Amino acid sequence: MIRYVYITLILLMLGCTRKTKITEPALARVGSSVLTVKEARANIPSHIIKKDSIKAFQTYRDEWIDQQLLIQEAYRLRINKEPEVRMRLNKITDDYLAKAAQNFIISDLNKDLSISDAEARAYYQENKDSFVLEERYIR
C-alpha cells in the first residue's frame, strides 16, 4: 500500500513539474493545419506589414484558409494519387532539391572565394582586349 502511495506521489510530482510547451498564437486552423502568427509574419513581405499590419494578416489568413481547404479537398478527392499529378509533384520536388543543392554548393564555394582589387585590376590589365565592345554603345 505504501508503495502505491509513493508511486502516486512521484507521478504527481513529475506531472506538476513538467514544463508545458508554450506555442505560438494561432491565426487560423483548418483541420490539423495551423497558421501561426510567426509563420504568417515570415511569409508576408515587410513593406506590406508596414502599410497596414492588421489588413495584411487578415488577407494572408483568408488566403491561407482558402488554400488549406482546397488542399484538403484535393486529398479527399485523392487527386494526389493521380499519375499526372504525382509526376508533376515529383518533378517540382526534384527541381527544388536540385536548385537547393546548387545554392548550397555555390554558397559553400563562395565562403573561400575572395578577390582583391589588385587582383581584379591585374586581370583587367592582362585581358584588356576581352573588354572591348565590338559595337558602339548608344544611349
N, C-alpha and C. Protein backbone atom coordinates (compact mmCIF):
# COMPACT_ATOMS: atom_id res chain seq x y z
N MET A 1 0.82 -1.19 0.00
CA MET A 1 0.00 0.00 0.00
C MET A 1 0.87 1.26 0.00
N ILE A 2 1.88 1.26 0.84
CA ILE A 2 2.77 2.42 0.91
C ILE A 2 3.50 2.60 -0.42
N ARG A 3 3.83 1.48 -1.05
CA ARG A 3 4.50 1.54 -2.36
C ARG A 3 3.63 2.31 -3.36
N TYR A 4 2.33 2.04 -3.38
CA TYR A 4 1.43 2.72 -4.30
C TYR A 4 1.32 4.21 -3.99
N VAL A 5 1.36 4.56 -2.72
CA VAL A 5 1.31 5.96 -2.32
C VAL A 5 2.55 6.68 -2.83
N TYR A 6 3.72 6.05 -2.66
CA TYR A 6 4.96 6.66 -3.14
C TYR A 6 4.95 6.82 -4.66
N ILE A 7 4.52 5.79 -5.34
CA ILE A 7 4.46 5.85 -6.81
C ILE A 7 3.50 6.96 -7.25
N THR A 8 2.36 7.06 -6.58
CA THR A 8 1.39 8.09 -6.91
C THR A 8 1.97 9.48 -6.66
N LEU A 9 2.65 9.65 -5.53
CA LEU A 9 3.27 10.95 -5.22
C LEU A 9 4.34 11.31 -6.24
N ILE A 10 5.15 10.35 -6.62
CA ILE A 10 6.20 10.61 -7.61
C ILE A 10 5.58 11.01 -8.94
N LEU A 11 4.55 10.29 -9.35
CA LEU A 11 3.89 10.62 -10.61
C LEU A 11 3.25 12.00 -10.56
N LEU A 12 2.65 12.34 -9.43
CA LEU A 12 2.06 13.67 -9.28
C LEU A 12 3.12 14.75 -9.33
N MET A 13 4.25 14.51 -8.68
CA MET A 13 5.32 15.50 -8.69
C MET A 13 5.89 15.67 -10.09
N LEU A 14 6.07 14.57 -10.79
CA LEU A 14 6.57 14.67 -12.16
C LEU A 14 5.57 15.38 -13.05
N GLY A 15 4.31 15.08 -12.85
CA GLY A 15 3.27 15.72 -13.65
C GLY A 15 3.18 17.21 -13.38
N CYS A 16 3.39 17.61 -12.15
CA CYS A 16 3.29 19.03 -11.80
C CYS A 16 4.52 19.81 -12.22
N THR A 17 5.66 19.16 -12.27
CA THR A 17 6.88 19.89 -12.61
C THR A 17 7.17 19.87 -14.11
N ARG A 18 6.43 19.09 -14.85
CA ARG A 18 6.67 19.02 -16.29
C ARG A 18 6.36 20.37 -16.92
N LYS A 19 7.29 20.83 -17.71
CA LYS A 19 7.10 22.12 -18.37
C LYS A 19 6.16 21.96 -19.55
N THR A 20 5.22 22.86 -19.64
CA THR A 20 4.33 22.82 -20.78
C THR A 20 4.92 23.68 -21.88
N LYS A 21 4.80 23.23 -23.08
CA LYS A 21 5.35 23.94 -24.22
C LYS A 21 4.44 25.12 -24.57
N ILE A 22 5.03 26.30 -24.59
CA ILE A 22 4.27 27.48 -24.98
C ILE A 22 4.29 27.55 -26.49
N THR A 23 3.12 27.56 -27.07
CA THR A 23 3.06 27.58 -28.53
C THR A 23 2.72 28.98 -29.02
N GLU A 24 3.07 29.21 -30.24
CA GLU A 24 2.79 30.48 -30.90
C GLU A 24 1.28 30.63 -31.08
N PRO A 25 0.75 31.83 -30.92
CA PRO A 25 -0.68 32.03 -31.12
C PRO A 25 -1.10 31.66 -32.55
N ALA A 26 -2.25 31.04 -32.66
CA ALA A 26 -2.74 30.62 -33.97
C ALA A 26 -3.64 31.70 -34.57
N LEU A 27 -3.42 31.98 -35.84
CA LEU A 27 -4.31 32.88 -36.57
C LEU A 27 -5.49 32.12 -37.14
N ALA A 28 -5.23 30.86 -37.52
CA ALA A 28 -6.30 30.05 -38.12
C ALA A 28 -5.96 28.57 -38.00
N ARG A 29 -7.02 27.77 -38.02
CA ARG A 29 -6.88 26.32 -38.03
C ARG A 29 -7.83 25.77 -39.08
N VAL A 30 -7.30 24.87 -39.89
CA VAL A 30 -8.12 24.16 -40.87
C VAL A 30 -7.74 22.70 -40.75
N GLY A 31 -8.64 21.91 -40.21
CA GLY A 31 -8.31 20.51 -39.96
C GLY A 31 -7.15 20.44 -38.98
N SER A 32 -6.11 19.73 -39.36
CA SER A 32 -4.93 19.62 -38.49
C SER A 32 -3.87 20.67 -38.81
N SER A 33 -4.11 21.49 -39.81
CA SER A 33 -3.16 22.54 -40.18
C SER A 33 -3.40 23.79 -39.34
N VAL A 34 -2.30 24.40 -38.90
CA VAL A 34 -2.40 25.59 -38.07
C VAL A 34 -1.52 26.68 -38.67
N LEU A 35 -2.07 27.87 -38.80
CA LEU A 35 -1.31 29.03 -39.24
C LEU A 35 -0.98 29.85 -38.00
N THR A 36 0.31 29.98 -37.73
CA THR A 36 0.74 30.76 -36.56
C THR A 36 1.07 32.18 -36.98
N VAL A 37 1.11 33.05 -36.00
CA VAL A 37 1.49 34.44 -36.24
C VAL A 37 2.91 34.48 -36.80
N LYS A 38 3.78 33.67 -36.24
CA LYS A 38 5.17 33.63 -36.69
C LYS A 38 5.27 33.23 -38.16
N GLU A 39 4.53 32.20 -38.54
CA GLU A 39 4.55 31.73 -39.93
C GLU A 39 4.00 32.80 -40.87
N ALA A 40 2.91 33.44 -40.47
CA ALA A 40 2.32 34.49 -41.31
C ALA A 40 3.30 35.65 -41.46
N ARG A 41 3.91 36.07 -40.36
CA ARG A 41 4.86 37.18 -40.40
C ARG A 41 6.03 36.86 -41.33
N ALA A 42 6.47 35.60 -41.32
CA ALA A 42 7.59 35.20 -42.17
C ALA A 42 7.23 35.21 -43.65
N ASN A 43 5.95 35.05 -43.96
CA ASN A 43 5.52 34.96 -45.36
C ASN A 43 4.94 36.24 -45.93
N ILE A 44 4.68 37.21 -45.08
CA ILE A 44 4.15 38.49 -45.56
C ILE A 44 5.32 39.45 -45.72
N PRO A 45 5.48 40.04 -46.91
CA PRO A 45 6.58 40.99 -47.10
C PRO A 45 6.49 42.15 -46.10
N SER A 46 7.65 42.57 -45.61
CA SER A 46 7.68 43.60 -44.56
C SER A 46 7.06 44.92 -45.01
N HIS A 47 7.21 45.28 -46.29
CA HIS A 47 6.64 46.55 -46.74
C HIS A 47 5.11 46.52 -46.70
N ILE A 48 4.52 45.35 -46.83
CA ILE A 48 3.06 45.24 -46.75
C ILE A 48 2.62 45.33 -45.29
N ILE A 49 3.38 44.70 -44.40
CA ILE A 49 3.04 44.78 -42.97
C ILE A 49 3.16 46.22 -42.48
N LYS A 50 4.15 46.95 -42.98
CA LYS A 50 4.34 48.34 -42.55
C LYS A 50 3.16 49.22 -42.94
N LYS A 51 2.55 48.94 -44.09
CA LYS A 51 1.41 49.76 -44.54
C LYS A 51 0.21 49.59 -43.63
N ASP A 52 -0.20 48.34 -43.43
CA ASP A 52 -1.38 48.06 -42.61
C ASP A 52 -1.27 46.62 -42.12
N SER A 53 -0.71 46.45 -40.94
CA SER A 53 -0.42 45.10 -40.45
C SER A 53 -1.69 44.27 -40.23
N ILE A 54 -2.73 44.89 -39.73
CA ILE A 54 -3.96 44.14 -39.46
C ILE A 54 -4.55 43.61 -40.77
N LYS A 55 -4.63 44.48 -41.76
CA LYS A 55 -5.18 44.06 -43.05
C LYS A 55 -4.28 43.00 -43.69
N ALA A 56 -2.97 43.17 -43.56
CA ALA A 56 -2.03 42.20 -44.14
C ALA A 56 -2.23 40.82 -43.53
N PHE A 57 -2.35 40.77 -42.20
CA PHE A 57 -2.55 39.48 -41.54
C PHE A 57 -3.91 38.88 -41.89
N GLN A 58 -4.94 39.72 -41.96
CA GLN A 58 -6.28 39.22 -42.31
C GLN A 58 -6.30 38.67 -43.73
N THR A 59 -5.70 39.39 -44.65
CA THR A 59 -5.66 38.95 -46.05
C THR A 59 -4.88 37.65 -46.18
N TYR A 60 -3.72 37.60 -45.54
CA TYR A 60 -2.90 36.38 -45.61
C TYR A 60 -3.65 35.20 -44.99
N ARG A 61 -4.28 35.45 -43.85
CA ARG A 61 -5.04 34.39 -43.18
C ARG A 61 -6.16 33.86 -44.07
N ASP A 62 -6.91 34.77 -44.69
CA ASP A 62 -8.02 34.35 -45.54
C ASP A 62 -7.53 33.54 -46.75
N GLU A 63 -6.43 33.99 -47.35
CA GLU A 63 -5.87 33.26 -48.48
C GLU A 63 -5.34 31.89 -48.04
N TRP A 64 -4.73 31.85 -46.86
CA TRP A 64 -4.20 30.59 -46.33
C TRP A 64 -5.34 29.61 -46.07
N ILE A 65 -6.43 30.09 -45.50
CA ILE A 65 -7.59 29.23 -45.24
C ILE A 65 -8.14 28.67 -46.54
N ASP A 66 -8.31 29.53 -47.55
CA ASP A 66 -8.80 29.06 -48.85
C ASP A 66 -7.89 27.98 -49.42
N GLN A 67 -6.59 28.22 -49.34
CA GLN A 67 -5.63 27.25 -49.88
C GLN A 67 -5.70 25.93 -49.11
N GLN A 68 -5.78 26.00 -47.79
CA GLN A 68 -5.85 24.78 -46.99
C GLN A 68 -7.11 23.99 -47.29
N LEU A 69 -8.22 24.68 -47.47
CA LEU A 69 -9.47 23.99 -47.82
C LEU A 69 -9.34 23.29 -49.17
N LEU A 70 -8.71 23.96 -50.12
CA LEU A 70 -8.50 23.34 -51.43
C LEU A 70 -7.57 22.13 -51.34
N ILE A 71 -6.53 22.26 -50.55
CA ILE A 71 -5.59 21.15 -50.38
C ILE A 71 -6.29 19.96 -49.74
N GLN A 72 -7.06 20.22 -48.70
CA GLN A 72 -7.77 19.13 -48.04
C GLN A 72 -8.79 18.49 -48.97
N GLU A 73 -9.44 19.29 -49.79
CA GLU A 73 -10.40 18.74 -50.75
C GLU A 73 -9.67 17.89 -51.80
N ALA A 74 -8.49 18.34 -52.20
CA ALA A 74 -7.70 17.56 -53.16
C ALA A 74 -7.35 16.19 -52.58
N TYR A 75 -6.96 16.17 -51.31
CA TYR A 75 -6.66 14.89 -50.67
C TYR A 75 -7.92 14.03 -50.52
N ARG A 76 -9.04 14.67 -50.19
CA ARG A 76 -10.29 13.92 -50.05
C ARG A 76 -10.68 13.28 -51.37
N LEU A 77 -10.49 14.02 -52.45
CA LEU A 77 -10.81 13.50 -53.78
C LEU A 77 -9.71 12.59 -54.33
N ARG A 78 -8.64 12.47 -53.58
CA ARG A 78 -7.49 11.63 -53.94
C ARG A 78 -6.82 12.08 -55.24
N ILE A 79 -6.86 13.38 -55.46
CA ILE A 79 -6.21 13.94 -56.64
C ILE A 79 -4.70 13.70 -56.57
N ASN A 80 -4.18 13.70 -55.36
CA ASN A 80 -2.74 13.49 -55.19
C ASN A 80 -2.28 12.10 -55.62
N LYS A 81 -3.21 11.19 -55.85
CA LYS A 81 -2.87 9.83 -56.28
C LYS A 81 -2.90 9.67 -57.80
N GLU A 82 -3.40 10.66 -58.50
CA GLU A 82 -3.47 10.56 -59.96
C GLU A 82 -2.07 10.60 -60.56
N PRO A 83 -1.81 9.76 -61.57
CA PRO A 83 -0.45 9.67 -62.13
C PRO A 83 0.13 11.00 -62.60
N GLU A 84 -0.66 11.80 -63.31
CA GLU A 84 -0.12 13.06 -63.82
C GLU A 84 0.24 14.01 -62.67
N VAL A 85 -0.60 14.05 -61.65
CA VAL A 85 -0.34 14.91 -60.50
C VAL A 85 0.91 14.43 -59.77
N ARG A 86 1.02 13.13 -59.57
CA ARG A 86 2.21 12.58 -58.90
C ARG A 86 3.47 12.88 -59.69
N MET A 87 3.38 12.76 -61.03
CA MET A 87 4.53 13.02 -61.88
C MET A 87 4.96 14.49 -61.74
N ARG A 88 3.99 15.39 -61.77
CA ARG A 88 4.31 16.82 -61.65
C ARG A 88 4.86 17.16 -60.27
N LEU A 89 4.28 16.58 -59.24
CA LEU A 89 4.79 16.82 -57.89
C LEU A 89 6.22 16.31 -57.74
N ASN A 90 6.49 15.15 -58.31
CA ASN A 90 7.86 14.62 -58.26
C ASN A 90 8.82 15.53 -59.01
N LYS A 91 8.39 16.05 -60.16
CA LYS A 91 9.23 16.95 -60.95
C LYS A 91 9.51 18.23 -60.16
N ILE A 92 8.48 18.79 -59.55
CA ILE A 92 8.65 20.01 -58.75
C ILE A 92 9.61 19.75 -57.59
N THR A 93 9.45 18.62 -56.93
CA THR A 93 10.32 18.26 -55.81
C THR A 93 11.76 18.12 -56.28
N ASP A 94 11.96 17.41 -57.38
CA ASP A 94 13.31 17.22 -57.92
C ASP A 94 13.94 18.54 -58.32
N ASP A 95 13.18 19.40 -58.99
CA ASP A 95 13.70 20.70 -59.40
C ASP A 95 14.10 21.54 -58.19
N TYR A 96 13.25 21.52 -57.18
CA TYR A 96 13.53 22.30 -55.97
C TYR A 96 14.78 21.79 -55.26
N LEU A 97 14.89 20.47 -55.14
CA LEU A 97 16.06 19.89 -54.49
C LEU A 97 17.34 20.18 -55.27
N ALA A 98 17.27 20.11 -56.58
CA ALA A 98 18.44 20.41 -57.40
C ALA A 98 18.87 21.86 -57.22
N LYS A 99 17.92 22.77 -57.21
CA LYS A 99 18.23 24.19 -57.02
C LYS A 99 18.79 24.43 -55.61
N ALA A 100 18.22 23.78 -54.61
CA ALA A 100 18.72 23.93 -53.24
C ALA A 100 20.14 23.40 -53.13
N ALA A 101 20.42 22.28 -53.77
CA ALA A 101 21.78 21.72 -53.75
C ALA A 101 22.74 22.67 -54.45
N GLN A 102 22.32 23.21 -55.58
CA GLN A 102 23.15 24.15 -56.32
C GLN A 102 23.47 25.38 -55.47
N ASN A 103 22.46 25.94 -54.83
CA ASN A 103 22.67 27.11 -53.98
C ASN A 103 23.60 26.79 -52.82
N PHE A 104 23.44 25.61 -52.25
CA PHE A 104 24.29 25.21 -51.13
C PHE A 104 25.74 25.10 -51.58
N ILE A 105 25.96 24.46 -52.72
CA ILE A 105 27.32 24.27 -53.23
C ILE A 105 27.95 25.62 -53.57
N ILE A 106 27.19 26.48 -54.22
CA ILE A 106 27.72 27.80 -54.58
C ILE A 106 28.04 28.61 -53.34
N SER A 107 27.15 28.61 -52.36
CA SER A 107 27.42 29.39 -51.14
C SER A 107 28.61 28.81 -50.39
N ASP A 108 28.76 27.49 -50.42
CA ASP A 108 29.90 26.86 -49.76
C ASP A 108 31.20 27.23 -50.46
N LEU A 109 31.18 27.27 -51.79
CA LEU A 109 32.38 27.65 -52.54
C LEU A 109 32.70 29.13 -52.36
N ASN A 110 31.68 29.96 -52.27
CA ASN A 110 31.89 31.40 -52.14
C ASN A 110 32.49 31.79 -50.79
N LYS A 111 32.41 30.92 -49.80
CA LYS A 111 32.99 31.23 -48.49
C LYS A 111 34.49 31.44 -48.61
N ASP A 112 35.13 30.63 -49.44
CA ASP A 112 36.58 30.68 -49.58
C ASP A 112 37.04 31.57 -50.73
N LEU A 113 36.10 32.13 -51.46
CA LEU A 113 36.44 32.91 -52.64
C LEU A 113 36.54 34.39 -52.28
N SER A 114 37.71 34.94 -52.50
CA SER A 114 37.86 36.38 -52.31
C SER A 114 38.89 36.88 -53.32
N ILE A 115 38.53 37.95 -53.98
CA ILE A 115 39.40 38.55 -54.99
C ILE A 115 39.65 39.99 -54.58
N SER A 116 40.90 40.34 -54.46
CA SER A 116 41.23 41.71 -54.05
C SER A 116 41.11 42.64 -55.25
N ASP A 117 41.06 43.93 -54.96
CA ASP A 117 41.02 44.93 -56.03
C ASP A 117 42.27 44.84 -56.90
N ALA A 118 43.39 44.59 -56.27
CA ALA A 118 44.65 44.49 -57.02
C ALA A 118 44.61 43.32 -58.00
N GLU A 119 44.05 42.19 -57.56
CA GLU A 119 43.94 41.03 -58.45
C GLU A 119 43.00 41.32 -59.61
N ALA A 120 41.90 42.00 -59.33
CA ALA A 120 40.95 42.34 -60.39
C ALA A 120 41.58 43.30 -61.39
N ARG A 121 42.30 44.29 -60.90
CA ARG A 121 42.97 45.25 -61.80
C ARG A 121 44.03 44.55 -62.65
N ALA A 122 44.79 43.67 -62.04
CA ALA A 122 45.83 42.95 -62.77
C ALA A 122 45.20 42.09 -63.87
N TYR A 123 44.10 41.42 -63.55
CA TYR A 123 43.41 40.60 -64.55
C TYR A 123 42.92 41.48 -65.70
N TYR A 124 42.35 42.62 -65.36
CA TYR A 124 41.86 43.54 -66.39
C TYR A 124 43.00 44.01 -67.28
N GLN A 125 44.11 44.39 -66.68
CA GLN A 125 45.26 44.88 -67.46
C GLN A 125 45.77 43.80 -68.41
N GLU A 126 45.78 42.56 -67.96
CA GLU A 126 46.27 41.46 -68.79
C GLU A 126 45.28 41.08 -69.89
N ASN A 127 44.00 41.40 -69.70
CA ASN A 127 42.96 40.96 -70.64
C ASN A 127 42.13 42.12 -71.18
N LYS A 128 42.74 43.27 -71.36
CA LYS A 128 42.01 44.45 -71.83
C LYS A 128 41.27 44.19 -73.14
N ASP A 129 41.87 43.42 -74.00
CA ASP A 129 41.27 43.16 -75.31
C ASP A 129 39.92 42.44 -75.19
N SER A 130 39.74 41.70 -74.14
CA SER A 130 38.49 40.97 -73.94
C SER A 130 37.35 41.89 -73.50
N PHE A 131 37.70 43.09 -73.06
CA PHE A 131 36.69 44.00 -72.54
C PHE A 131 36.32 45.11 -73.53
N VAL A 132 36.76 45.00 -74.76
CA VAL A 132 36.46 46.00 -75.79
C VAL A 132 35.14 45.64 -76.44
N LEU A 133 34.26 46.64 -76.57
CA LEU A 133 32.97 46.41 -77.22
C LEU A 133 33.17 46.28 -78.72
N GLU A 134 32.48 45.34 -79.31
CA GLU A 134 32.54 45.14 -80.75
C GLU A 134 31.74 46.22 -81.47
N GLU A 135 30.70 46.71 -80.83
CA GLU A 135 29.84 47.72 -81.43
C GLU A 135 29.87 48.97 -80.56
N ARG A 136 29.49 50.07 -81.17
CA ARG A 136 29.43 51.31 -80.41
C ARG A 136 28.26 51.24 -79.44
N TYR A 137 28.48 51.79 -78.29
CA TYR A 137 27.44 51.82 -77.26
C TYR A 137 26.63 53.10 -77.42
N ILE A 138 25.33 52.96 -77.62
CA ILE A 138 24.46 54.12 -77.83
C ILE A 138 23.44 54.16 -76.71
N ARG A 139 23.28 55.34 -76.15
CA ARG A 139 22.28 55.50 -75.09
C ARG A 139 20.98 55.96 -75.65
